[in-house]
Amino acid sequence: MTGIIIISLLAIAILFLGLYKLNRAIIPFSIVGLSAAIASYAMAWNNSKYYFNNMIFVDNYAIAFSILTIATTILILLLSPGYFEKISTNVAEYVSMILFSLVGVLCMVSYNDLSMLFIGIEIMSVSMYILAGIRKKDLASNEAALKYFLMGSFATGFLLFGIALIYGFTGSFNIETISTIIMESGNQPAALFNAGVLFIIIGLSFKVSAAPFHFWAPDVYDGAPSLITSYMSSVVKTASFAAFMRLFIVAFAGVIHIFTPTLWVLTAVTIIVGNVIALYQDSFKRMLAYSSISHAGYMLMAILALGPDSGNAMFYYAVAYSIASVSAFAILIKVKALRNSESFDAFNGLGKTNPKSALALTISMCSLAGIPLTAGFFGKFFLFTTAINQHFYWLVGIAILNAVIAFWYYFRVIIAMYMKEPLSTDKLEFLPSYRIVLWVAAATSIILGLFPGFLSGLF
């Protein structure tokens, strides 16, 4: 809870720094504040507590996802020097909006009440609507913000209606109380309750861009500034899945059997749609957008195959995906700045002209593809093992087949970097903070790929 307060105050303080034109202090001050928030969460490990009349519950699950989302935000902020300045002189407003959205994220991963889940989603979403459209004179950015707002509003409607139906059956927003009432009904609640759960699944499926509720994601990811897209695809997606899983672990575990067919189809369709459409993309950024949809399908497997290892599998996969995604977008930003293109051809010959950058992107692509000796391999391994333990053999078969399909579009950029002639001999220029992000991401992917036990049994 201290972490939420620290980041809330930090966001306000950043606005004051902008007011007094102290732009150079914004990023360092933000990183110090976020590091303090991480420290506050780390000190709360194994010391679970309720806050705000049991509306927030900070346990190890919430702490782990909170630290992950804050750490990912730090990496993204380290990429931002010189980025927002090209869009506007009001850098403080953009950084503060990221921090305010992070406050919503932290509420989402630690809620114990459906009203707090709704509040967290809204705090995060409103901030992201603004950030998606921060390039005011860019039509693609305006389109992204409008589509994100409209689809987010529809998703919120479904979510709120579902919460209302569940309250109508249980008389409570507290997810622990809801779980108790479900058990008292013999795990066979009334149709009113089941309809509420279904609407919540639809609302959260919009938020995580699961098919067939994914149609907003490619255009929004493509139109938003790449740094904001990186934040959407890592922090926002991780928080949404953490909230999704917490809901089923605590509140809906007793009725998971009722919704197994729905979640099975949702998972399979999401994996297939994301991977197949990504194959046909010529833009690297749009490929990452569709691949993020396929990764949403993989993470849905942990919710479908709900069991004692689901939380660990979800967290490990979220770590692997987040660091690889941030690294990929970091290279994309620099390549676009140098060659004014986001196509795969823009990466031609990068292995010759910028070997270190090419290596960092190669590690990222291998991790996203699930190649052994990277974190992504064990992320998929743990998810598939969890699904097999719950006897979802056909779904695992579909997932493995699609993981093989994904090799093509991930290796397409690797082939461009190492097997094609460079478009120019110009080299990418990196600030020290940029280099830190790339090497931290690459080292983390390799270390977790070699020693998965660091995180596999966290909670």
Protein backbone atom coordinates (compact mmCIF):
# COMPACT_ATOMS: atom_id res chain seq x y z
CA MET A 1 0.00 0.00 0.00
CA THR A 2 2.93 2.30 0.74
CA GLY A 3 4.04 1.83 -2.87
CA ILE A 4 0.71 3.16 -4.20
CA ILE A 5 1.01 6.25 -1.99
CA ILE A 6 4.64 6.84 -3.01
CA ILE A 7 3.84 6.69 -6.74
CA SER A 8 0.74 8.87 -6.36
CA LEU A 9 2.77 11.56 -4.61
CA LEU A 10 5.58 11.10 -7.12
CA ALA A 11 3.24 11.78 -10.05
CA ILE A 12 2.08 15.03 -8.41
CA ALA A 13 5.68 16.02 -7.65
CA ILE A 14 6.62 15.49 -11.31
CA LEU A 15 3.92 17.97 -12.32
CA PHE A 16 5.52 20.57 -10.03
CA LEU A 17 8.93 19.87 -11.56
CA GLY A 18 7.42 20.58 -14.96
CA LEU A 19 5.78 23.74 -13.64
CA TYR A 20 9.20 25.10 -12.65
CA LYS A 21 10.82 23.93 -15.92
CA LEU A 22 13.09 21.36 -14.24
CA ASN A 23 12.75 18.91 -17.11
CA ARG A 24 16.22 17.42 -16.71
CA ALA A 25 15.35 16.27 -13.18
CA ILE A 26 12.10 14.53 -14.14
CA ILE A 27 13.42 11.12 -15.24
CA PRO A 28 16.06 10.73 -12.46
CA PHE A 29 13.54 11.84 -9.83
CA SER A 30 10.95 9.41 -11.21
CA ILE A 31 13.38 6.49 -11.15
CA VAL A 32 14.40 7.24 -7.56
CA GLY A 33 10.74 7.38 -6.52
CA LEU A 34 9.88 4.15 -8.33
CA SER A 35 12.90 2.44 -6.74
CA ALA A 36 11.60 3.52 -3.33
CA ALA A 37 8.23 2.00 -4.19
CA ILE A 38 9.92 -1.29 -5.14
CA ALA A 39 11.79 -1.25 -1.81
CA SER A 40 8.54 -0.71 0.09
CA TYR A 41 6.94 -3.70 -1.62
CA ALA A 42 10.02 -5.87 -1.10
CA MET A 43 9.95 -5.16 2.65
CA ALA A 44 6.33 -6.33 2.77
CA TRP A 45 7.19 -9.81 1.40
CA ASN A 46 5.63 -12.61 3.48
CA ASN A 47 3.69 -9.99 5.45
CA SER A 48 0.21 -9.98 3.92
CA LYS A 49 -2.11 -7.15 4.95
CA TYR A 50 -5.58 -5.80 4.18
CA TYR A 51 -6.16 -2.09 3.58
CA PHE A 52 -9.15 0.24 3.11
CA ASN A 53 -11.76 -1.94 4.80
CA ASN A 54 -10.45 -5.09 3.07
CA MET A 55 -10.70 -3.54 -0.40
CA ILE A 56 -6.97 -4.05 -1.05
CA PHE A 57 -5.01 -7.17 -0.09
CA VAL A 58 -1.24 -6.99 -0.42
CA ASP A 59 0.07 -10.57 -0.43
CA ASN A 60 3.08 -12.14 -2.16
CA TYR A 61 1.12 -12.44 -5.40
CA ALA A 62 0.32 -8.71 -5.42
CA ILE A 63 3.87 -7.80 -4.36
CA ALA A 64 5.49 -9.86 -7.12
CA PHE A 65 3.35 -8.37 -9.89
CA SER A 66 3.67 -4.88 -8.41
CA ILE A 67 7.46 -5.09 -8.42
CA LEU A 68 7.43 -6.45 -11.99
CA THR A 69 5.24 -3.64 -13.32
CA ILE A 70 7.22 -0.93 -11.49
CA ALA A 71 10.56 -2.37 -12.67
CA THR A 72 9.27 -2.51 -16.26
CA THR A 73 8.13 1.10 -15.98
CA ILE A 74 11.65 2.08 -14.85
CA LEU A 75 13.11 0.42 -17.95
CA ILE A 76 10.66 2.30 -20.16
CA LEU A 77 11.46 5.62 -18.48
CA LEU A 78 15.16 4.94 -19.05
CA LEU A 79 14.33 4.82 -22.78
CA SER A 80 12.48 8.13 -22.69
CA PRO A 81 15.24 10.82 -22.53
CA GLY A 82 15.02 12.71 -25.80
CA TYR A 83 11.86 10.86 -26.87
CA PHE A 84 9.04 12.96 -25.41
CA GLU A 85 10.99 16.17 -26.08
CA LYS A 86 10.52 15.55 -29.80
CA ILE A 87 6.75 15.48 -29.32
CA SER A 88 6.27 18.36 -26.90
CA THR A 89 8.03 20.52 -24.34
CA ASN A 90 5.55 19.35 -21.68
CA VAL A 91 7.53 16.27 -20.67
CA ALA A 92 6.30 16.34 -17.07
CA GLU A 93 2.70 15.76 -18.10
CA TYR A 94 3.59 12.64 -20.09
CA VAL A 95 5.70 11.12 -17.32
CA SER A 96 3.07 11.93 -14.70
CA MET A 97 0.38 10.25 -16.85
CA ILE A 98 2.51 7.11 -17.00
CA LEU A 99 2.87 7.21 -13.21
CA PHE A 100 -0.85 7.79 -12.68
CA SER A 101 -1.60 4.80 -14.92
CA LEU A 102 0.86 2.80 -12.81
CA VAL A 103 -1.19 3.66 -9.72
CA GLY A 104 -4.18 2.06 -11.43
CA VAL A 105 -2.03 -0.94 -12.33
CA LEU A 106 -1.03 -1.43 -8.68
CA CYS A 107 -4.67 -1.28 -7.60
CA MET A 108 -5.51 -3.91 -10.23
CA VAL A 109 -2.94 -6.43 -9.02
CA SER A 110 -3.82 -6.08 -5.32
CA TYR A 111 -7.60 -5.60 -5.25
CA ASN A 112 -9.78 -7.64 -2.91
CA ASP A 113 -13.02 -5.98 -3.93
CA LEU A 114 -14.65 -5.71 -7.35
CA SER A 115 -15.18 -1.98 -6.90
CA MET A 116 -11.42 -1.54 -6.41
CA LEU A 117 -10.79 -3.61 -9.54
CA PHE A 118 -13.06 -1.25 -11.47
CA ILE A 119 -11.38 1.84 -10.00
CA GLY A 120 -7.92 0.49 -10.84
CA ILE A 121 -8.90 -0.30 -14.43
CA GLU A 122 -10.39 3.16 -14.91
CA ILE A 123 -7.37 5.00 -13.47
CA MET A 124 -5.10 3.02 -15.77
CA SER A 125 -7.35 3.28 -18.83
CA VAL A 126 -8.04 7.01 -18.72
CA SER A 127 -4.30 7.69 -18.51
CA MET A 128 -3.62 5.36 -21.44
CA TYR A 129 -6.30 6.98 -23.62
CA ILE A 130 -4.43 10.28 -23.23
CA LEU A 131 -0.98 8.75 -23.78
CA ALA A 132 -2.09 6.96 -26.95
CA GLY A 133 -2.99 10.31 -28.50
CA ILE A 134 -0.16 12.51 -27.19
CA ARG A 135 1.03 13.29 -30.72
CA LYS A 136 -1.74 15.81 -31.31
CA LYS A 137 -0.87 16.55 -34.94
CA ASP A 138 -0.45 12.90 -35.92
CA LEU A 139 -3.61 11.38 -37.44
CA ALA A 140 -2.49 7.82 -36.58
CA SER A 141 -2.04 8.78 -32.94
CA ASN A 142 -5.44 10.50 -32.88
CA GLU A 143 -7.05 7.43 -34.43
CA ALA A 144 -5.34 5.19 -31.87
CA ALA A 145 -6.62 7.29 -28.97
CA LEU A 146 -10.18 7.36 -30.34
CA LYS A 147 -10.32 3.61 -30.99
CA TYR A 148 -8.76 2.85 -27.61
CA PHE A 149 -11.29 5.12 -25.87
CA LEU A 150 -14.32 3.69 -27.70
CA MET A 151 -13.34 0.05 -27.23
CA GLY A 152 -12.25 0.69 -23.66
CA SER A 153 -15.64 2.25 -22.93
CA PHE A 154 -17.44 -0.79 -24.32
CA ALA A 155 -15.21 -3.07 -22.24
CA THR A 156 -15.93 -1.01 -19.13
CA GLY A 157 -19.66 -1.33 -19.80
CA PHE A 158 -19.46 -5.13 -19.98
CA LEU A 159 -17.28 -5.25 -16.86
CA LEU A 160 -19.53 -2.97 -14.83
CA PHE A 161 -22.68 -4.84 -15.86
CA GLY A 162 -21.04 -8.12 -14.87
CA ILE A 163 -20.06 -6.72 -11.47
CA ALA A 164 -23.63 -5.48 -10.97
CA LEU A 165 -25.09 -8.93 -11.72
CA ILE A 166 -22.67 -10.60 -9.33
CA TYR A 167 -23.55 -8.09 -6.62
CA GLY A 168 -27.22 -8.77 -7.31
CA PHE A 169 -26.67 -12.49 -6.53
CA THR A 170 -24.16 -12.24 -3.66
CA GLY A 171 -24.88 -8.83 -2.12
CA SER A 172 -21.15 -8.17 -1.88
CA PHE A 173 -18.22 -6.82 -3.90
CA ASN A 174 -15.63 -8.60 -1.73
CA ILE A 175 -14.12 -11.44 -3.75
CA GLU A 176 -13.52 -13.62 -0.66
CA THR A 177 -17.16 -13.26 0.36
CA ILE A 178 -18.22 -14.07 -3.21
CA SER A 179 -16.12 -17.25 -3.08
CA THR A 180 -17.79 -18.28 0.19
CA ILE A 181 -21.28 -17.75 -1.23
CA ILE A 182 -20.39 -19.84 -4.30
CA MET A 183 -19.26 -22.70 -2.04
CA GLU A 184 -22.50 -22.43 -0.04
CA SER A 185 -24.43 -22.86 -3.29
CA GLY A 186 -22.60 -26.14 -3.95
CA ASN A 187 -20.57 -24.49 -6.74
CA GLN A 188 -23.78 -24.24 -8.77
CA PRO A 189 -24.87 -20.58 -8.51
CA ALA A 190 -27.90 -19.12 -10.23
CA ALA A 191 -27.93 -18.10 -13.89
CA LEU A 192 -27.77 -14.44 -12.79
CA PHE A 193 -24.34 -15.03 -11.28
CA ASN A 194 -23.09 -17.01 -14.29
CA ALA A 195 -24.18 -14.21 -16.61
CA GLY A 196 -22.22 -11.76 -14.47
CA VAL A 197 -19.07 -13.88 -14.69
CA LEU A 198 -19.49 -14.13 -18.46
CA PHE A 199 -19.76 -10.34 -18.82
CA ILE A 200 -16.66 -9.86 -16.68
CA ILE A 201 -14.76 -12.35 -18.86
CA ILE A 202 -15.80 -10.35 -21.94
CA GLY A 203 -14.76 -7.05 -20.34
CA LEU A 204 -11.36 -8.34 -19.26
CA SER A 205 -10.86 -10.04 -22.64
CA PHE A 206 -11.10 -6.60 -24.24
CA LYS A 207 -8.45 -5.31 -21.83
CA VAL A 208 -6.00 -8.16 -22.56
CA SER A 209 -6.78 -8.08 -26.32
CA ALA A 210 -7.98 -11.68 -26.49
CA ALA A 211 -9.69 -12.73 -29.73
CA PRO A 212 -12.38 -12.04 -30.86
CA PHE A 213 -12.15 -8.88 -28.71
CA HIS A 214 -8.75 -7.95 -30.09
CA PHE A 215 -9.66 -5.84 -33.12
CA TRP A 216 -8.73 -2.54 -31.46
CA ALA A 217 -5.21 -3.63 -30.44
CA PRO A 218 -3.28 -3.65 -33.77
CA ASP A 219 -4.40 -0.14 -34.79
CA VAL A 220 -3.89 1.29 -31.31
CA TYR A 221 -0.46 -0.31 -30.89
CA ASP A 222 0.53 0.83 -34.38
CA GLY A 223 -0.74 4.40 -34.05
CA ALA A 224 0.46 5.16 -30.53
CA PRO A 225 4.05 6.36 -29.99
CA SER A 226 6.35 3.34 -29.78
CA LEU A 227 7.38 4.06 -26.20
CA ILE A 228 3.72 4.12 -25.13
CA THR A 229 3.06 0.95 -27.14
CA SER A 230 5.89 -0.70 -25.22
CA TYR A 231 4.20 0.29 -21.95
CA MET A 232 0.81 -1.00 -23.18
CA SER A 233 2.18 -4.34 -24.33
CA SER A 234 4.14 -5.00 -21.13
CA VAL A 235 2.88 -3.19 -18.01
CA VAL A 236 -0.80 -2.85 -18.99
CA LYS A 237 -1.07 -6.41 -20.29
CA THR A 238 0.71 -7.86 -17.26
CA ALA A 239 -1.57 -5.99 -14.84
CA SER A 240 -4.69 -7.02 -16.74
CA PHE A 241 -3.74 -10.68 -16.60
CA ALA A 242 -2.74 -10.47 -12.93
CA ALA A 243 -6.21 -9.03 -12.18
CA PHE A 244 -7.88 -11.65 -14.42
CA MET A 245 -6.14 -14.52 -12.64
CA ARG A 246 -6.68 -13.13 -9.14
CA LEU A 247 -10.40 -13.02 -9.84
CA PHE A 248 -10.49 -16.72 -10.74
CA ILE A 249 -8.06 -17.86 -8.06
CA VAL A 250 -9.98 -16.19 -5.23
CA ALA A 251 -13.58 -15.60 -6.33
CA PHE A 252 -14.46 -17.88 -9.26
CA ALA A 253 -12.39 -21.01 -8.63
CA GLY A 254 -15.56 -22.88 -7.65
CA VAL A 255 -17.27 -22.19 -11.00
CA ILE A 256 -14.29 -22.61 -13.33
CA HIS A 257 -15.83 -25.88 -14.56
CA ILE A 258 -18.87 -23.98 -15.87
CA PHE A 259 -16.72 -21.65 -17.99
CA THR A 260 -14.08 -24.15 -19.11
CA PRO A 261 -15.54 -24.52 -22.66
CA THR A 262 -15.76 -20.72 -23.04
CA LEU A 263 -12.18 -20.16 -21.85
CA TRP A 264 -10.92 -23.09 -23.95
CA VAL A 265 -12.33 -21.60 -27.16
CA LEU A 266 -11.21 -18.09 -26.18
CA THR A 267 -7.65 -19.31 -25.57
CA ALA A 268 -7.39 -21.37 -28.76
CA VAL A 269 -8.85 -18.66 -31.01
CA THR A 270 -6.57 -16.00 -29.48
CA ILE A 271 -3.43 -18.07 -30.03
CA ILE A 272 -4.36 -18.95 -33.62
CA VAL A 273 -5.53 -15.47 -34.68
CA GLY A 274 -2.51 -13.72 -33.19
CA ASN A 275 0.06 -16.03 -34.76
CA VAL A 276 -1.53 -16.47 -38.19
CA ILE A 277 -2.16 -12.76 -38.82
CA ALA A 278 1.32 -11.85 -37.53
CA LEU A 279 2.73 -14.00 -40.35
CA TYR A 280 1.36 -11.60 -42.98
CA GLN A 281 2.64 -8.34 -41.50
CA ASP A 282 5.29 -6.26 -43.25
CA SER A 283 5.66 -3.81 -40.37
CA PHE A 284 7.80 -4.94 -37.43
CA LYS A 285 5.72 -2.87 -35.01
CA ARG A 286 2.43 -4.29 -36.29
CA MET A 287 3.90 -7.79 -36.09
CA LEU A 288 4.67 -7.15 -32.41
CA ALA A 289 1.07 -6.00 -31.95
CA TYR A 290 -0.36 -9.25 -33.35
CA SER A 291 2.21 -11.36 -31.53
CA SER A 292 1.08 -9.70 -28.29
CA ILE A 293 -2.38 -11.10 -29.02
CA SER A 294 -0.93 -14.60 -29.34
CA HIS A 295 0.93 -14.14 -26.05
CA ALA A 296 -2.39 -13.18 -24.47
CA GLY A 297 -3.66 -16.58 -25.59
CA TYR A 298 -0.73 -18.36 -23.95
CA MET A 299 -1.31 -16.51 -20.68
CA LEU A 300 -5.01 -17.39 -20.80
CA MET A 301 -3.92 -21.03 -20.53
CA ALA A 302 -2.86 -20.39 -16.93
CA ILE A 303 -6.37 -19.17 -16.07
CA LEU A 304 -8.09 -22.00 -17.93
CA ALA A 305 -5.87 -24.66 -16.31
CA LEU A 306 -6.36 -23.18 -12.85
CA GLY A 307 -4.23 -25.07 -10.34
CA PRO A 308 -1.57 -24.66 -7.63
CA ASP A 309 1.11 -23.70 -10.17
CA SER A 310 -0.96 -21.31 -12.29
CA GLY A 311 0.16 -18.17 -10.48
CA ASN A 312 3.84 -19.06 -10.79
CA ALA A 313 3.48 -19.95 -14.47
CA MET A 314 1.66 -16.68 -15.21
CA PHE A 315 4.25 -14.58 -13.36
CA TYR A 316 7.23 -16.26 -15.01
CA TYR A 317 5.72 -15.81 -18.46
CA ALA A 318 4.87 -12.17 -17.72
CA VAL A 319 8.48 -11.48 -16.70
CA ALA A 320 9.88 -13.15 -19.83
CA TYR A 321 7.42 -11.40 -22.14
CA SER A 322 7.78 -7.95 -20.56
CA ILE A 323 11.58 -7.72 -20.74
CA ALA A 324 11.70 -9.11 -24.28
CA SER A 325 8.97 -6.71 -25.43
CA VAL A 326 10.67 -3.65 -23.94
CA SER A 327 13.98 -4.61 -25.58
CA ALA A 328 12.33 -5.12 -28.98
CA PHE A 329 10.59 -1.75 -28.87
CA ALA A 330 13.80 -0.06 -27.74
CA ILE A 331 15.62 -1.21 -30.90
CA LEU A 332 12.58 -0.39 -33.05
CA ILE A 333 12.57 3.22 -31.80
CA LYS A 334 16.21 3.72 -32.78
CA VAL A 335 15.88 1.95 -36.15
CA LYS A 336 12.85 4.08 -37.06
CA ALA A 337 14.72 7.24 -36.04
CA LEU A 338 17.67 6.26 -38.25
CA ARG A 339 15.86 4.84 -41.30
CA ASN A 340 12.38 6.39 -40.97
CA SER A 341 10.67 3.04 -41.37
CA GLU A 342 9.13 0.30 -39.21
CA SER A 343 9.24 -2.39 -41.89
CA PHE A 344 11.36 -5.53 -41.64
CA ASP A 345 13.57 -4.14 -44.42
CA ALA A 346 14.64 -1.32 -42.10
CA PHE A 347 16.56 -3.92 -40.07
CA ASN A 348 18.57 -5.16 -43.07
CA GLY A 349 22.25 -5.57 -42.25
CA LEU A 350 21.91 -4.40 -38.65
CA GLY A 351 24.13 -7.30 -37.58
CA LYS A 352 27.00 -5.81 -39.61
CA THR A 353 26.57 -2.14 -38.80
CA ASN A 354 25.36 -2.48 -35.17
CA PRO A 355 26.30 -5.96 -33.92
CA LYS A 356 25.55 -5.31 -30.23
CA SER A 357 22.10 -3.93 -30.98
CA ALA A 358 21.42 -6.86 -33.30
CA LEU A 359 22.47 -9.29 -30.57
CA ALA A 360 20.11 -7.66 -28.05
CA LEU A 361 17.21 -7.85 -30.53
CA THR A 362 18.09 -11.45 -31.41
CA ILE A 363 17.90 -12.47 -27.74
CA SER A 364 14.57 -10.67 -27.47
CA MET A 365 13.13 -12.41 -30.53
CA CYS A 366 14.39 -15.81 -29.39
CA SER A 367 12.78 -15.29 -25.98
CA LEU A 368 9.45 -14.26 -27.52
CA ALA A 369 9.62 -17.31 -29.80
CA GLY A 370 10.40 -19.61 -26.86
CA ILE A 371 13.85 -20.76 -27.95
CA PRO A 372 15.76 -22.81 -25.29
CA LEU A 373 18.24 -21.00 -23.03
CA THR A 374 15.99 -17.95 -22.92
CA ALA A 375 13.34 -16.97 -20.37
CA GLY A 376 10.61 -17.31 -22.99
CA PHE A 377 11.30 -21.04 -23.38
CA PHE A 378 10.63 -21.79 -19.72
CA GLY A 379 7.70 -19.36 -19.70
CA LYS A 380 5.97 -21.50 -22.33
CA PHE A 381 7.20 -24.70 -20.68
CA PHE A 382 5.60 -23.83 -17.34
CA LEU A 383 2.32 -22.78 -18.97
CA PHE A 384 2.15 -25.92 -21.09
CA THR A 385 2.99 -28.10 -18.09
CA THR A 386 0.22 -26.46 -16.07
CA ALA A 387 -2.27 -27.13 -18.89
CA ILE A 388 -1.11 -30.75 -19.29
CA ASN A 389 -1.54 -31.34 -15.55
CA GLN A 390 -5.18 -30.31 -15.97
CA HIS A 391 -5.53 -32.62 -19.03
CA PHE A 392 -5.86 -29.93 -21.73
CA TYR A 393 -3.85 -31.99 -24.20
CA TRP A 394 -5.52 -30.73 -27.40
CA LEU A 395 -5.06 -27.13 -26.36
CA VAL A 396 -1.38 -27.69 -25.62
CA GLY A 397 -1.03 -29.30 -29.05
CA ILE A 398 -2.57 -26.23 -30.69
CA ALA A 399 -0.30 -23.96 -28.64
CA ILE A 400 2.86 -25.88 -29.58
CA LEU A 401 1.93 -25.87 -33.28
CA ASN A 402 1.39 -22.11 -33.15
CA ALA A 403 4.64 -21.60 -31.25
CA VAL A 404 6.39 -23.26 -34.21
CA ILE A 405 4.52 -20.96 -36.61
CA ALA A 406 5.75 -17.98 -34.58
CA PHE A 407 9.38 -18.94 -35.33
CA TRP A 408 8.93 -17.66 -38.88
CA TYR A 409 7.87 -14.10 -38.13
CA TYR A 410 10.29 -13.71 -35.21
CA PHE A 411 13.20 -15.11 -37.22
CA ARG A 412 12.26 -12.92 -40.15
CA VAL A 413 13.86 -9.92 -38.46
CA ILE A 414 16.89 -11.99 -37.45
CA ILE A 415 17.34 -13.06 -41.08
CA ALA A 416 17.08 -9.41 -42.16
CA MET A 417 19.73 -8.36 -39.65
CA TYR A 418 22.31 -11.04 -40.46
CA MET A 419 21.62 -12.26 -43.98
CA LYS A 420 20.79 -9.10 -45.93
CA GLU A 421 22.92 -6.18 -46.99
CA PRO A 422 22.62 -3.01 -44.89
CA LEU A 423 20.62 -0.10 -46.27
CA SER A 424 23.31 2.27 -45.00
CA THR A 425 26.48 2.24 -42.93
CA ASP A 426 25.04 4.62 -40.32
CA LYS A 427 25.14 3.36 -36.76
CA LEU A 428 22.46 3.58 -34.10
CA GLU A 429 23.27 6.05 -31.37
CA PHE A 430 22.43 5.16 -27.78
CA LEU A 431 22.48 7.11 -24.55
CA PRO A 432 23.98 5.26 -21.55
CA SER A 433 20.48 4.72 -20.08
CA TYR A 434 19.44 3.04 -23.34
CA ARG A 435 22.39 0.66 -23.18
CA ILE A 436 21.52 -0.21 -19.60
CA VAL A 437 17.99 -1.23 -20.62
CA LEU A 438 19.17 -3.39 -23.52
CA TRP A 439 21.78 -5.24 -21.53
CA VAL A 440 19.59 -5.67 -18.46
CA ALA A 441 16.86 -7.15 -20.67
CA ALA A 442 19.29 -9.43 -22.53
CA ALA A 443 21.02 -10.58 -19.34
CA THR A 444 17.71 -11.25 -17.57
CA SER A 445 16.43 -13.32 -20.51
CA ILE A 446 19.58 -15.45 -20.53
CA ILE A 447 19.87 -15.83 -16.74
CA LEU A 448 16.23 -16.90 -16.39
CA GLY A 449 16.71 -19.22 -19.35
CA LEU A 450 19.65 -20.90 -17.61
CA PHE A 451 18.36 -20.77 -14.02
CA PRO A 452 14.54 -20.81 -14.11
CA GLY A 453 14.39 -21.77 -10.46
CA PHE A 454 14.97 -18.13 -9.49
CA LEU A 455 11.30 -17.34 -10.12
CA SER A 456 9.51 -20.62 -10.81
CA GLY A 457 8.57 -21.25 -7.15
CA LEU A 458 8.03 -17.71 -5.97
CA PHE A 459 4.53 -18.18 -4.50
